[in-house]
Amino acid sequence: MEADKDDTQQILKEHSPDEFIKDEQNKG
């Protein structure tokens, strides 16, 4: 499950880095 989540995050990072950064900032 963790690996799957990691995979999804990697895909999101490559697809839309801005969204990924925004999500990371919202978390912490």
PDB file of N, CA and C in Angstrom:
ATOM      1  N   MET A   1       0.832  -1.207   0.000  1.00  0.00           N
ATOM      2  CA  MET A   1       0.000   0.000   0.000  1.00  0.00           C
ATOM      3  C   MET A   1       0.871   1.264   0.000  1.00  0.00           C
ATOM      4  N   GLU A   2       1.908   1.274   0.841  1.00  0.00           N
ATOM      5  CA  GLU A   2       2.826   2.425   0.878  1.00  0.00           C
ATOM      6  C   GLU A   2       3.484   2.638  -0.477  1.00  0.00           C
ATOM      7  N   ALA A   3       3.922   1.558  -1.067  1.00  0.00           N
ATOM      8  CA  ALA A   3       4.591   1.661  -2.370  1.00  0.00           C
ATOM      9  C   ALA A   3       3.629   2.227  -3.415  1.00  0.00           C
ATOM     10  N   ASP A   4       2.386   1.799  -3.335  1.00  0.00           N
ATOM     11  CA  ASP A   4       1.381   2.271  -4.273  1.00  0.00           C
ATOM     12  C   ASP A   4       1.160   3.770  -4.102  1.00  0.00           C
ATOM     13  N   LYS A   5       1.112   4.195  -2.835  1.00  0.00           N
ATOM     14  CA  LYS A   5       0.938   5.617  -2.553  1.00  0.00           C
ATOM     15  C   LYS A   5       2.135   6.399  -3.090  1.00  0.00           C
ATOM     16  N   ASP A   6       3.315   5.863  -2.870  1.00  0.00           N
ATOM     17  CA  ASP A   6       4.541   6.507  -3.347  1.00  0.00           C
ATOM     18  C   ASP A   6       4.509   6.640  -4.870  1.00  0.00           C
ATOM     19  N   ASP A   7       4.050   5.594  -5.516  1.00  0.00           N
ATOM     20  CA  ASP A   7       3.953   5.593  -6.969  1.00  0.00           C
ATOM     21  C   ASP A   7       3.011   6.697  -7.441  1.00  0.00           C
ATOM     22  N   THR A   8       1.881   6.816  -6.760  1.00  0.00           N
ATOM     23  CA  THR A   8       0.898   7.836  -7.130  1.00  0.00           C
ATOM     24  C   THR A   8       1.486   9.228  -6.951  1.00  0.00           C
ATOM     25  N   GLN A   9       2.188   9.442  -5.855  1.00  0.00           N
ATOM     26  CA  GLN A   9       2.805  10.745  -5.604  1.00  0.00           C
ATOM     27  C   GLN A   9       3.835  11.068  -6.670  1.00  0.00           C
ATOM     28  N   GLN A  10       4.593  10.070  -7.075  1.00  0.00           N
ATOM     29  CA  GLN A  10       5.604  10.279  -8.111  1.00  0.00           C
ATOM     30  C   GLN A  10       4.936  10.693  -9.420  1.00  0.00           C
ATOM     31  N   ILE A  11       3.847  10.032  -9.746  1.00  0.00           N
ATOM     32  CA  ILE A  11       3.118  10.349 -10.978  1.00  0.00           C
ATOM     33  C   ILE A  11       2.559  11.767 -10.899  1.00  0.00           C
ATOM     34  N   LEU A  12       1.986  12.110  -9.751  1.00  0.00           N
ATOM     35  CA  LEU A  12       1.430  13.448  -9.563  1.00  0.00           C
ATOM     36  C   LEU A  12       2.518  14.499  -9.677  1.00  0.00           C
ATOM     37  N   LYS A  13       3.672  14.186  -9.106  1.00  0.00           N
ATOM     38  CA  LYS A  13       4.802  15.129  -9.132  1.00  0.00           C
ATOM     39  C   LYS A  13       5.214  15.401 -10.579  1.00  0.00           C
ATOM     40  N   GLU A  14       5.248  14.360 -11.387  1.00  0.00           N
ATOM     41  CA  GLU A  14       5.669  14.518 -12.775  1.00  0.00           C
ATOM     42  C   GLU A  14       4.568  15.185 -13.604  1.00  0.00           C
ATOM     43  N   HIS A  15       3.322  14.889 -13.229  1.00  0.00           N
ATOM     44  CA  HIS A  15       2.197  15.407 -14.007  1.00  0.00           C
ATOM     45  C   HIS A  15       1.934  16.878 -13.683  1.00  0.00           C
ATOM     46  N   SER A  16       1.948  17.198 -12.387  1.00  0.00           N
ATOM     47  CA  SER A  16       1.616  18.563 -11.977  1.00  0.00           C
ATOM     48  C   SER A  16       2.395  18.948 -10.718  1.00  0.00           C
ATOM     49  N   PRO A  17       3.647  19.361 -10.888  1.00  0.00           N
ATOM     50  CA  PRO A  17       4.508  19.695  -9.759  1.00  0.00           C
ATOM     51  C   PRO A  17       3.919  20.793  -8.877  1.00  0.00           C
ATOM     52  N   ASP A  18       3.266  21.762  -9.498  1.00  0.00           N
ATOM     53  CA  ASP A  18       2.676  22.867  -8.738  1.00  0.00           C
ATOM     54  C   ASP A  18       1.630  22.345  -7.752  1.00  0.00           C
ATOM     55  N   GLU A  19       0.781  21.436  -8.230  1.00  0.00           N
ATOM     56  CA  GLU A  19      -0.250  20.863  -7.371  1.00  0.00           C
ATOM     57  C   GLU A  19       0.392  20.072  -6.240  1.00  0.00           C
ATOM     58  N   PHE A  20       1.452  19.350  -6.556  1.00  0.00           N
ATOM     59  CA  PHE A  20       2.143  18.542  -5.561  1.00  0.00           C
ATOM     60  C   PHE A  20       2.731  19.429  -4.470  1.00  0.00           C
ATOM     61  N   ILE A  21       3.375  20.506  -4.876  1.00  0.00           N
ATOM     62  CA  ILE A  21       3.993  21.437  -3.922  1.00  0.00           C
ATOM     63  C   ILE A  21       2.914  22.078  -3.053  1.00  0.00           C
ATOM     64  N   LYS A  22       1.801  22.470  -3.686  1.00  0.00           N
ATOM     65  CA  LYS A  22       0.702  23.079  -2.937  1.00  0.00           C
ATOM     66  C   LYS A  22       0.179  22.101  -1.884  1.00  0.00           C
ATOM     67  N   ASP A  23       0.045  20.836  -2.278  1.00  0.00           N
ATOM     68  CA  ASP A  23      -0.454  19.812  -1.361  1.00  0.00           C
ATOM     69  C   ASP A  23       0.512  19.614  -0.203  1.00  0.00           C
ATOM     70  N   GLU A  24       1.797  19.593  -0.511  1.00  0.00           N
ATOM     71  CA  GLU A  24       2.818  19.426   0.521  1.00  0.00           C
ATOM     72  C   GLU A  24       2.785  20.589   1.503  1.00  0.00           C
ATOM     73  N   GLN A  25       2.618  21.783   0.995  1.00  0.00           N
ATOM     74  CA  GLN A  25       2.580  22.973   1.847  1.00  0.00           C
ATOM     75  C   GLN A  25       1.338  22.946   2.739  1.00  0.00           C
ATOM     76  N   ASN A  26       0.233  22.482   2.200  1.00  0.00           N
ATOM     77  CA  ASN A  26      -1.010  22.409   2.967  1.00  0.00           C
ATOM     78  C   ASN A  26      -0.877  21.424   4.124  1.00  0.00           C
ATOM     79  N   LYS A  27      -0.107  20.358   3.904  1.00  0.00           N
ATOM     80  CA  LYS A  27       0.068  19.322   4.930  1.00  0.00           C
ATOM     81  C   LYS A  27       0.865  19.860   6.107  1.00  0.00           C
ATOM     82  N   GLY A  28       1.886  20.649   5.819  1.00  0.00           N
ATOM     83  CA  GLY A  28       2.726  21.033   6.939  1.00  0.00           C
ATOM     84  C   GLY A  28       3.249  22.429   6.840  1.00  0.00           C
TER      85      GLY A  28
END
